[in-house]
Amino acid sequence: MDNYQKQAMAFRTETADEAYALLNLAAEAGEVLGKVAKHIRDGGDEESLRQNIKKELGDVMWMVAAVAADFDLTLSEICTHNIEKLNSRKDRNVITGSGDNR
């Protein structure tokens, strides 16, 4: 994950600043949803949808890597923390429900 982050950030331009990365993370996630919505509306083959989702998720991943870098975080520490959080919730039998700090 960290190797991906390092390589991906090599393509970052000066204009892709912190605000751009944060705002465009939401935009790219929306494009993933848009591809699925159009597939539901218009139909089409599943492989085309799969390939479109792969492309859009790649854009989401780039934005996540950029936002993480802006906060001096690595993707590996984010992923590790997430798994630890999920394991804790499972151990405490609160994997379902709502709230960030359950």
Protein backbone atom coordinates (compact mmCIF):
# COMPACT_ATOMS: atom_id res chain seq x y z
CA MET A 1 0.00 0.00 0.00
CA ASP A 2 2.77 2.43 0.88
CA ASN A 3 4.58 1.67 -2.37
CA TYR A 4 1.38 2.48 -4.27
CA GLN A 5 1.02 5.72 -2.32
CA LYS A 6 4.59 6.76 -3.07
CA GLN A 7 4.25 5.96 -6.76
CA ALA A 8 0.84 7.62 -7.06
CA MET A 9 2.06 10.82 -5.44
CA ALA A 10 4.81 11.06 -8.06
CA PHE A 11 2.02 12.06 -10.47
CA ARG A 12 0.66 14.82 -8.23
CA THR A 13 0.75 18.26 -9.77
CA GLU A 14 1.17 21.54 -7.91
CA THR A 15 -2.49 22.40 -8.45
CA ALA A 16 -3.67 19.14 -6.86
CA ASP A 17 -3.42 20.67 -3.41
CA GLU A 18 -5.08 19.59 -0.14
CA ALA A 19 -8.42 21.18 -0.97
CA TYR A 20 -8.46 19.59 -4.41
CA ALA A 21 -7.73 16.13 -3.01
CA LEU A 22 -10.44 16.39 -0.35
CA LEU A 23 -13.09 17.74 -2.69
CA ASN A 24 -12.24 15.41 -5.53
CA LEU A 25 -12.33 12.36 -3.25
CA ALA A 26 -16.07 12.92 -2.95
CA ALA A 27 -16.37 13.57 -6.69
CA GLU A 28 -14.56 10.36 -7.60
CA ALA A 29 -16.65 8.32 -5.15
CA GLY A 30 -19.70 9.83 -6.81
CA GLU A 31 -18.46 8.65 -10.19
CA VAL A 32 -18.36 5.07 -8.86
CA LEU A 33 -21.98 5.42 -7.79
CA GLY A 34 -22.90 7.02 -11.11
CA LYS A 35 -21.53 4.07 -13.07
CA VAL A 36 -23.65 1.67 -11.03
CA ALA A 37 -26.74 3.88 -11.31
CA LYS A 38 -26.41 4.09 -15.10
CA HIS A 39 -25.93 0.33 -15.26
CA ILE A 40 -29.14 -0.14 -13.28
CA ARG A 41 -30.98 2.30 -15.53
CA ASP A 42 -29.57 1.28 -18.91
CA GLY A 43 -28.42 -2.27 -18.35
CA GLY A 44 -25.36 -3.59 -20.07
CA ASP A 45 -22.89 -6.33 -19.57
CA GLU A 46 -21.40 -7.01 -16.17
CA GLU A 47 -17.81 -7.06 -17.43
CA SER A 48 -18.09 -3.49 -18.75
CA LEU A 49 -19.47 -2.39 -15.40
CA ARG A 50 -16.65 -4.23 -13.62
CA GLN A 51 -14.01 -2.51 -15.76
CA ASN A 52 -15.61 0.91 -15.25
CA ILE A 53 -15.74 0.36 -11.49
CA LYS A 54 -12.08 -0.68 -11.51
CA LYS A 55 -11.12 2.56 -13.26
CA GLU A 56 -13.17 4.75 -10.96
CA LEU A 57 -11.98 2.98 -7.80
CA GLY A 58 -8.43 3.60 -9.00
CA ASP A 59 -9.23 7.32 -9.05
CA VAL A 60 -10.73 7.03 -5.56
CA MET A 61 -7.57 5.28 -4.38
CA TRP A 62 -5.39 8.06 -5.76
CA MET A 63 -7.43 10.65 -3.89
CA VAL A 64 -7.28 8.61 -0.66
CA ALA A 65 -3.51 8.36 -1.06
CA ALA A 66 -3.28 12.11 -1.57
CA VAL A 67 -5.48 12.98 1.42
CA ALA A 68 -3.49 10.55 3.56
CA ALA A 69 -0.21 12.13 2.45
CA ASP A 70 -1.59 15.58 3.25
CA PHE A 71 -2.22 14.42 6.82
CA ASP A 72 1.17 12.69 7.03
CA LEU A 73 -0.44 9.25 7.07
CA THR A 74 0.51 6.14 5.16
CA LEU A 75 -2.02 3.85 3.56
CA SER A 76 -0.63 0.91 5.51
CA GLU A 77 -1.20 2.62 8.86
CA ILE A 78 -4.72 3.57 7.81
CA CYS A 79 -5.51 0.00 6.75
CA THR A 80 -3.93 -1.48 9.88
CA HIS A 81 -5.91 0.88 12.10
CA ASN A 82 -9.12 0.01 10.29
CA ILE A 83 -8.61 -3.75 10.77
CA GLU A 84 -7.79 -3.20 14.45
CA LYS A 85 -10.98 -1.14 14.84
CA LEU A 86 -13.08 -3.81 13.13
CA ASN A 87 -11.55 -6.59 15.23
CA SER A 88 -12.27 -4.60 18.38
CA ARG A 89 -15.89 -4.09 17.35
CA LYS A 90 -16.25 -7.78 16.55
CA ASP A 91 -14.70 -8.78 19.89
CA ARG A 92 -17.08 -6.45 21.72
CA ASN A 93 -20.05 -7.63 19.63
CA VAL A 94 -20.70 -4.15 18.22
CA ILE A 95 -19.78 -4.82 14.59
CA THR A 96 -23.32 -3.78 13.62
CA GLY A 97 -24.97 -0.62 14.74
CA SER A 98 -24.02 2.99 14.26
CA GLY A 99 -21.66 5.51 15.70
CA ASP A 100 -18.00 6.10 15.06
CA ASN A 101 -16.81 5.25 18.56
CA ARG A 102 -18.74 2.11 19.37
